[in-house]
């Protein structure tokens, strides 16, 4: 098969980037890592509880798949 794995990112040499580009790339990496850490913490918290309710609505149950959060303005 000639398909390319889309998850494979191109490699870049930080030493060849300008200071502005290097700072931007490092900031994006930092934000992505913080997001991954936050998601991991949320999943660990979800695993500790059998049922999570918000405003009386069950949003997580160990017996059912995770449902999205909805906010109604009415």
PDB file of N, CA and C in Angstrom:
ATOM      1  N   UNK A   1       0.837  -1.177   0.000  1.00  0.00           N
ATOM      2  CA  UNK A   1       0.000   0.000   0.000  1.00  0.00           C
ATOM      3  C   UNK A   1       0.881   1.239   0.000  1.00  0.00           C
ATOM      4  N   UNK A   2       0.451   2.225  -0.724  1.00  0.00           N
ATOM      5  CA  UNK A   2       1.240   3.438  -0.873  1.00  0.00           C
ATOM      6  C   UNK A   2       0.716   4.583  -0.014  1.00  0.00           C
ATOM      7  N   UNK A   3      -0.178   4.295   0.933  1.00  0.00           N
ATOM      8  CA  UNK A   3      -0.702   5.370   1.767  1.00  0.00           C
ATOM      9  C   UNK A   3       0.300   5.718   2.847  1.00  0.00           C
ATOM     10  N   UNK A   4       0.321   6.976   3.189  1.00  0.00           N
ATOM     11  CA  UNK A   4       1.253   7.465   4.202  1.00  0.00           C
ATOM     12  C   UNK A   4       0.508   7.644   5.519  1.00  0.00           C
ATOM     13  N   UNK A   5       1.155   7.312   6.603  1.00  0.00           N
ATOM     14  CA  UNK A   5       0.567   7.470   7.919  1.00  0.00           C
ATOM     15  C   UNK A   5       0.420   8.964   8.204  1.00  0.00           C
ATOM     16  N   UNK A   6      -0.816   9.420   8.419  1.00  0.00           N
ATOM     17  CA  UNK A   6      -1.058  10.843   8.632  1.00  0.00           C
ATOM     18  C   UNK A   6      -0.547  11.323   9.983  1.00  0.00           C
ATOM     19  N   UNK A   7      -0.353  10.420  10.928  1.00  0.00           N
ATOM     20  CA  UNK A   7       0.132  10.827  12.233  1.00  0.00           C
ATOM     21  C   UNK A   7       1.629  11.119  12.227  1.00  0.00           C
ATOM     22  N   UNK A   8       2.325  10.670  11.214  1.00  0.00           N
ATOM     23  CA  UNK A   8       3.755  10.928  11.130  1.00  0.00           C
ATOM     24  C   UNK A   8       3.961  12.392  10.783  1.00  0.00           C
ATOM     25  N   UNK A   9       4.594  13.100  11.675  1.00  0.00           N
ATOM     26  CA  UNK A   9       4.849  14.517  11.463  1.00  0.00           C
ATOM     27  C   UNK A   9       6.211  14.703  10.812  1.00  0.00           C
ATOM     28  N   UNK A  10       6.357  15.812  10.117  1.00  0.00           N
ATOM     29  CA  UNK A  10       7.658  16.085   9.532  1.00  0.00           C
ATOM     30  C   UNK A  10       8.620  16.477  10.643  1.00  0.00           C
ATOM     31  N   UNK A  11       9.864  16.138  10.461  1.00  0.00           N
ATOM     32  CA  UNK A  11      10.876  16.459  11.459  1.00  0.00           C
ATOM     33  C   UNK A  11      11.438  17.831  11.151  1.00  0.00           C
ATOM     34  N   UNK A  12      11.685  18.601  12.203  1.00  0.00           N
ATOM     35  CA  UNK A  12      12.263  19.917  11.999  1.00  0.00           C
ATOM     36  C   UNK A  12      13.421  20.114  12.963  1.00  0.00           C
ATOM     37  N   UNK A  13      14.393  20.850  12.516  1.00  0.00           N
ATOM     38  CA  UNK A  13      15.560  21.148  13.331  1.00  0.00           C
ATOM     39  C   UNK A  13      15.346  22.507  13.984  1.00  0.00           C
ATOM     40  N   UNK A  14      15.207  22.516  15.306  1.00  0.00           N
ATOM     41  CA  UNK A  14      14.954  23.771  16.008  1.00  0.00           C
ATOM     42  C   UNK A  14      16.102  24.756  15.860  1.00  0.00           C
ATOM     43  N   UNK A  15      17.306  24.253  15.655  1.00  0.00           N
ATOM     44  CA  UNK A  15      18.452  25.147  15.508  1.00  0.00           C
ATOM     45  C   UNK A  15      18.410  25.920  14.195  1.00  0.00           C
ATOM     46  N   UNK A  16      17.700  25.395  13.216  1.00  0.00           N
ATOM     47  CA  UNK A  16      17.610  26.069  11.924  1.00  0.00           C
ATOM     48  C   UNK A  16      16.472  27.079  11.866  1.00  0.00           C
ATOM     49  N   UNK A  17      15.592  27.087  12.850  1.00  0.00           N
ATOM     50  CA  UNK A  17      14.464  28.015  12.868  1.00  0.00           C
ATOM     51  C   UNK A  17      14.886  29.359  13.445  1.00  0.00           C
ATOM     52  N   UNK A  18      14.171  30.401  13.048  1.00  0.00           N
ATOM     53  CA  UNK A  18      14.422  31.716  13.640  1.00  0.00           C
ATOM     54  C   UNK A  18      13.920  31.701  15.084  1.00  0.00           C
ATOM     55  N   UNK A  19      14.320  32.700  15.843  1.00  0.00           N
ATOM     56  CA  UNK A  19      13.922  32.759  17.251  1.00  0.00           C
ATOM     57  C   UNK A  19      12.406  32.831  17.410  1.00  0.00           C
ATOM     58  N   UNK A  20      11.748  33.583  16.537  1.00  0.00           N
ATOM     59  CA  UNK A  20      10.292  33.725  16.615  1.00  0.00           C
ATOM     60  C   UNK A  20       9.613  32.397  16.299  1.00  0.00           C
ATOM     61  N   UNK A  21      10.052  31.734  15.247  1.00  0.00           N
ATOM     62  CA  UNK A  21       9.465  30.441  14.880  1.00  0.00           C
ATOM     63  C   UNK A  21       9.729  29.397  15.956  1.00  0.00           C
ATOM     64  N   UNK A  22      10.932  29.396  16.504  1.00  0.00           N
ATOM     65  CA  UNK A  22      11.286  28.438  17.555  1.00  0.00           C
ATOM     66  C   UNK A  22      10.397  28.640  18.778  1.00  0.00           C
ATOM     67  N   UNK A  23      10.187  29.899  19.163  1.00  0.00           N
ATOM     68  CA  UNK A  23       9.340  30.194  20.320  1.00  0.00           C
ATOM     69  C   UNK A  23       7.903  29.751  20.063  1.00  0.00           C
ATOM     70  N   UNK A  24       7.410  29.962  18.834  1.00  0.00           N
ATOM     71  CA  UNK A  24       6.046  29.566  18.482  1.00  0.00           C
ATOM     72  C   UNK A  24       5.894  28.048  18.534  1.00  0.00           C
ATOM     73  N   UNK A  25       6.865  27.330  17.990  1.00  0.00           N
ATOM     74  CA  UNK A  25       6.813  25.860  17.984  1.00  0.00           C
ATOM     75  C   UNK A  25       6.865  25.320  19.405  1.00  0.00           C
ATOM     76  N   UNK A  26       7.739  25.872  20.214  1.00  0.00           N
ATOM     77  CA  UNK A  26       7.868  25.411  21.599  1.00  0.00           C
ATOM     78  C   UNK A  26       6.590  25.705  22.373  1.00  0.00           C
ATOM     79  N   UNK A  27       5.977  26.861  22.146  1.00  0.00           N
ATOM     80  CA  UNK A  27       4.729  27.208  22.824  1.00  0.00           C
ATOM     81  C   UNK A  27       3.603  26.259  22.418  1.00  0.00           C
ATOM     82  N   UNK A  28       3.524  25.919  21.134  1.00  0.00           N
ATOM     83  CA  UNK A  28       2.505  24.971  20.678  1.00  0.00           C
ATOM     84  C   UNK A  28       2.718  23.596  21.302  1.00  0.00           C
ATOM     85  N   UNK A  29       3.962  23.149  21.364  1.00  0.00           N
ATOM     86  CA  UNK A  29       4.250  21.861  21.997  1.00  0.00           C
ATOM     87  C   UNK A  29       3.861  21.877  23.469  1.00  0.00           C
ATOM     88  N   UNK A  30       4.164  22.979  24.132  1.00  0.00           N
ATOM     89  CA  UNK A  30       3.833  23.113  25.550  1.00  0.00           C
ATOM     90  C   UNK A  30       2.318  23.049  25.762  1.00  0.00           C
ATOM     91  N   UNK A  31       1.554  23.750  24.920  1.00  0.00           N
ATOM     92  CA  UNK A  31       0.097  23.728  25.030  1.00  0.00           C
ATOM     93  C   UNK A  31      -0.459  22.333  24.766  1.00  0.00           C
ATOM     94  N   UNK A  32       0.084  21.642  23.768  1.00  0.00           N
ATOM     95  CA  UNK A  32      -0.379  20.284  23.461  1.00  0.00           C
ATOM     96  C   UNK A  32      -0.096  19.330  24.611  1.00  0.00           C
ATOM     97  N   UNK A  33       1.066  19.457  25.229  1.00  0.00           N
ATOM     98  CA  UNK A  33       1.394  18.600  26.372  1.00  0.00           C
ATOM     99  C   UNK A  33       0.487  18.895  27.561  1.00  0.00           C
ATOM    100  N   UNK A  34       0.219  20.183  27.820  1.00  0.00           N
ATOM    101  CA  UNK A  34      -0.673  20.538  28.922  1.00  0.00           C
ATOM    102  C   UNK A  34      -2.077  19.994  28.681  1.00  0.00           C
ATOM    103  N   UNK A  35      -2.535  20.051  27.434  1.00  0.00           N
ATOM    104  CA  UNK A  35      -3.854  19.514  27.089  1.00  0.00           C
ATOM    105  C   UNK A  35      -3.893  18.006  27.312  1.00  0.00           C
ATOM    106  N   UNK A  36      -2.836  17.314  26.901  1.00  0.00           N
ATOM    107  CA  UNK A  36      -2.775  15.862  27.086  1.00  0.00           C
ATOM    108  C   UNK A  36      -2.781  15.496  28.562  1.00  0.00           C
ATOM    109  N   UNK A  37      -2.051  16.260  29.359  1.00  0.00           N
ATOM    110  CA  UNK A  37      -2.006  16.004  30.802  1.00  0.00           C
ATOM    111  C   UNK A  37      -3.380  16.234  31.416  1.00  0.00           C
ATOM    112  N   UNK A  38      -4.051  17.310  31.007  1.00  0.00           N
ATOM    113  CA  UNK A  38      -5.392  17.601  31.529  1.00  0.00           C
ATOM    114  C   UNK A  38      -6.371  16.496  31.166  1.00  0.00           C
ATOM    115  N   UNK A  39      -6.313  16.024  29.928  1.00  0.00           N
ATOM    116  CA  UNK A  39      -7.206  14.945  29.503  1.00  0.00           C
ATOM    117  C   UNK A  39      -6.936  13.670  30.289  1.00  0.00           C
ATOM    118  N   UNK A  40      -5.680  13.372  30.538  1.00  0.00           N
ATOM    119  CA  UNK A  40      -5.343  12.173  31.311  1.00  0.00           C
ATOM    120  C   UNK A  40      -5.874  12.283  32.732  1.00  0.00           C
ATOM    121  N   UNK A  41      -5.782  13.467  33.322  1.00  0.00           N
ATOM    122  CA  UNK A  41      -6.295  13.666  34.680  1.00  0.00           C
ATOM    123  C   UNK A  41      -7.816  13.514  34.720  1.00  0.00           C
ATOM    124  N   UNK A  42      -8.495  14.029  33.690  1.00  0.00           N
ATOM    125  CA  UNK A  42      -9.954  13.899  33.637  1.00  0.00           C
ATOM    126  C   UNK A  42     -10.346  12.430  33.538  1.00  0.00           C
ATOM    127  N   UNK A  43      -9.680  11.677  32.668  1.00  0.00           N
ATOM    128  CA  UNK A  43     -10.004  10.250  32.520  1.00  0.00           C
ATOM    129  C   UNK A  43      -9.732   9.496  33.810  1.00  0.00           C
ATOM    130  N   UNK A  44      -8.643   9.828  34.507  1.00  0.00           N
ATOM    131  CA  UNK A  44      -8.369   9.172  35.787  1.00  0.00           C
ATOM    132  C   UNK A  44      -9.465   9.485  36.796  1.00  0.00           C
ATOM    133  N   UNK A  45      -9.948  10.720  36.804  1.00  0.00           N
ATOM    134  CA  UNK A  45     -11.030  11.089  37.717  1.00  0.00           C
ATOM    135  C   UNK A  45     -12.315  10.349  37.359  1.00  0.00           C
ATOM    136  N   UNK A  46     -12.616  10.228  36.066  1.00  0.00           N
ATOM    137  CA  UNK A  46     -13.829   9.524  35.653  1.00  0.00           C
ATOM    138  C   UNK A  46     -13.802   8.061  36.072  1.00  0.00           C
ATOM    139  N   UNK A  47     -12.638   7.461  36.040  1.00  0.00           N
ATOM    140  CA  UNK A  47     -12.535   6.045  36.394  1.00  0.00           C
ATOM    141  C   UNK A  47     -12.787   5.791  37.877  1.00  0.00           C
ATOM    142  N   UNK A  48     -12.687   6.841  38.705  1.00  0.00           N
ATOM    143  CA  UNK A  48     -12.880   6.680  40.141  1.00  0.00           C
ATOM    144  C   UNK A  48     -14.358   6.661  40.541  1.00  0.00           C
ATOM    145  N   UNK A  49     -15.234   7.149  39.671  1.00  0.00           N
ATOM    146  CA  UNK A  49     -16.646   7.288  40.017  1.00  0.00           C
ATOM    147  C   UNK A  49     -17.509   6.402  39.131  1.00  0.00           C
ATOM    148  N   UNK A  50     -18.609   5.943  39.702  1.00  0.00           N
ATOM    149  CA  UNK A  50     -19.540   5.131  38.927  1.00  0.00           C
ATOM    150  C   UNK A  50     -20.500   5.996  38.129  1.00  0.00           C
ATOM    151  N   UNK A  51     -20.935   7.125  38.713  1.00  0.00           N
ATOM    152  CA  UNK A  51     -21.888   8.014  38.044  1.00  0.00           C
ATOM    153  C   UNK A  51     -21.486   9.460  38.323  1.00  0.00           C
ATOM    154  N   UNK A  52     -21.500  10.291  37.273  1.00  0.00           N
ATOM    155  CA  UNK A  52     -21.246  11.723  37.427  1.00  0.00           C
ATOM    156  C   UNK A  52     -22.456  12.458  36.871  1.00  0.00           C
ATOM    157  N   UNK A  53     -23.031  13.351  37.703  1.00  0.00           N
ATOM    158  CA  UNK A  53     -24.178  14.140  37.262  1.00  0.00           C
ATOM    159  C   UNK A  53     -23.828  15.615  37.315  1.00  0.00           C
ATOM    160  N   UNK A  54     -24.345  16.358  36.338  1.00  0.00           N
ATOM    161  CA  UNK A  54     -24.210  17.810  36.304  1.00  0.00           C
ATOM    162  C   UNK A  54     -25.608  18.373  36.134  1.00  0.00           C
ATOM    163  N   UNK A  55     -26.015  19.210  37.090  1.00  0.00           N
ATOM    164  CA  UNK A  55     -27.358  19.805  37.079  1.00  0.00           C
ATOM    165  C   UNK A  55     -28.445  18.741  36.943  1.00  0.00           C
ATOM    166  N   UNK A  56     -28.264  17.631  37.605  1.00  0.00           N
ATOM    167  CA  UNK A  56     -29.266  16.576  37.604  1.00  0.00           C
ATOM    168  C   UNK A  56     -29.244  15.651  36.404  1.00  0.00           C
ATOM    169  N   UNK A  57     -28.371  15.904  35.451  1.00  0.00           N
ATOM    170  CA  UNK A  57     -28.270  15.059  34.260  1.00  0.00           C
ATOM    171  C   UNK A  57     -27.037  14.166  34.377  1.00  0.00           C
ATOM    172  N   UNK A  58     -27.221  12.890  34.156  1.00  0.00           N
ATOM    173  CA  UNK A  58     -26.107  11.947  34.199  1.00  0.00           C
ATOM    174  C   UNK A  58     -25.273  12.144  32.937  1.00  0.00           C
ATOM    175  N   UNK A  59     -24.004  12.535  33.107  1.00  0.00           N
ATOM    176  CA  UNK A  59     -23.121  12.726  31.953  1.00  0.00           C
ATOM    177  C   UNK A  59     -22.118  11.590  31.824  1.00  0.00           C
ATOM    178  N   UNK A  60     -21.939  10.833  32.899  1.00  0.00           N
ATOM    179  CA  UNK A  60     -21.036   9.689  32.839  1.00  0.00           C
ATOM    180  C   UNK A  60     -21.562   8.598  33.740  1.00  0.00           C
ATOM    181  N   UNK A  61     -21.579   7.401  33.219  1.00  0.00           N
ATOM    182  CA  UNK A  61     -21.945   6.228  33.995  1.00  0.00           C
ATOM    183  C   UNK A  61     -21.007   5.109  33.581  1.00  0.00           C
ATOM    184  N   UNK A  62     -20.564   4.338  34.550  1.00  0.00           N
ATOM    185  CA  UNK A  62     -19.644   3.247  34.224  1.00  0.00           C
ATOM    186  C   UNK A  62     -20.316   2.193  33.348  1.00  0.00           C
ATOM    187  N   UNK A  63     -21.651   2.178  33.322  1.00  0.00           N
ATOM    188  CA  UNK A  63     -22.391   1.207  32.513  1.00  0.00           C
ATOM    189  C   UNK A  63     -22.733   1.717  31.119  1.00  0.00           C
ATOM    190  N   UNK A  64     -22.537   3.007  30.857  1.00  0.00           N
ATOM    191  CA  UNK A  64     -22.926   3.595  29.572  1.00  0.00           C
ATOM    192  C   UNK A  64     -21.754   4.400  29.002  1.00  0.00           C
ATOM    193  N   UNK A  65     -21.735   4.588  27.694  1.00  0.00           N
ATOM    194  CA  UNK A  65     -20.657   5.388  27.102  1.00  0.00           C
ATOM    195  C   UNK A  65     -20.763   6.852  27.519  1.00  0.00           C
ATOM    196  N   UNK A  66     -19.652   7.557  27.441  1.00  0.00           N
ATOM    197  CA  UNK A  66     -19.597   8.965  27.813  1.00  0.00           C
ATOM    198  C   UNK A  66     -20.444   9.791  26.853  1.00  0.00           C
ATOM    199  N   UNK A  67     -21.279  10.669  27.419  1.00  0.00           N
ATOM    200  CA  UNK A  67     -22.118  11.547  26.610  1.00  0.00           C
ATOM    201  C   UNK A  67     -21.499  12.936  26.591  1.00  0.00           C
ATOM    202  N   UNK A  68     -21.790  13.677  25.544  1.00  0.00           N
ATOM    203  CA  UNK A  68     -21.266  15.037  25.434  1.00  0.00           C
ATOM    204  C   UNK A  68     -21.981  15.983  26.382  1.00  0.00           C
ATOM    205  N   UNK A  69     -21.350  17.098  26.644  1.00  0.00           N
ATOM    206  CA  UNK A  69     -21.950  18.121  27.484  1.00  0.00           C
ATOM    207  C   UNK A  69     -22.779  19.042  26.599  1.00  0.00           C
ATOM    208  N   UNK A  70     -23.978  19.368  27.054  1.00  0.00           N
ATOM    209  CA  UNK A  70     -24.844  20.280  26.315  1.00  0.00           C
ATOM    210  C   UNK A  70     -25.243  21.411  27.243  1.00  0.00           C
ATOM    211  N   UNK A  71     -25.309  22.597  26.676  1.00  0.00           N
ATOM    212  CA  UNK A  71     -25.739  23.757  27.446  1.00  0.00           C
ATOM    213  C   UNK A  71     -26.879  24.422  26.707  1.00  0.00           C
ATOM    214  N   UNK A  72     -28.055  24.431  27.299  1.00  0.00           N
ATOM    215  CA  UNK A  72     -29.221  25.055  26.685  1.00  0.00           C
ATOM    216  C   UNK A  72     -29.392  26.453  27.255  1.00  0.00           C
ATOM    217  N   UNK A  73     -29.636  27.422  26.385  1.00  0.00           N
ATOM    218  CA  UNK A  73     -29.806  28.801  26.814  1.00  0.00           C
ATOM    219  C   UNK A  73     -31.221  29.094  27.290  1.00  0.00           C
ATOM    220  N   UNK A  74     -32.146  28.165  27.147  1.00  0.00           N
ATOM    221  CA  UNK A  74     -33.534  28.411  27.539  1.00  0.00           C
ATOM    222  C   UNK A  74     -33.768  28.090  28.979  1.00  0.00           C
TER     223      UNK A  74
END
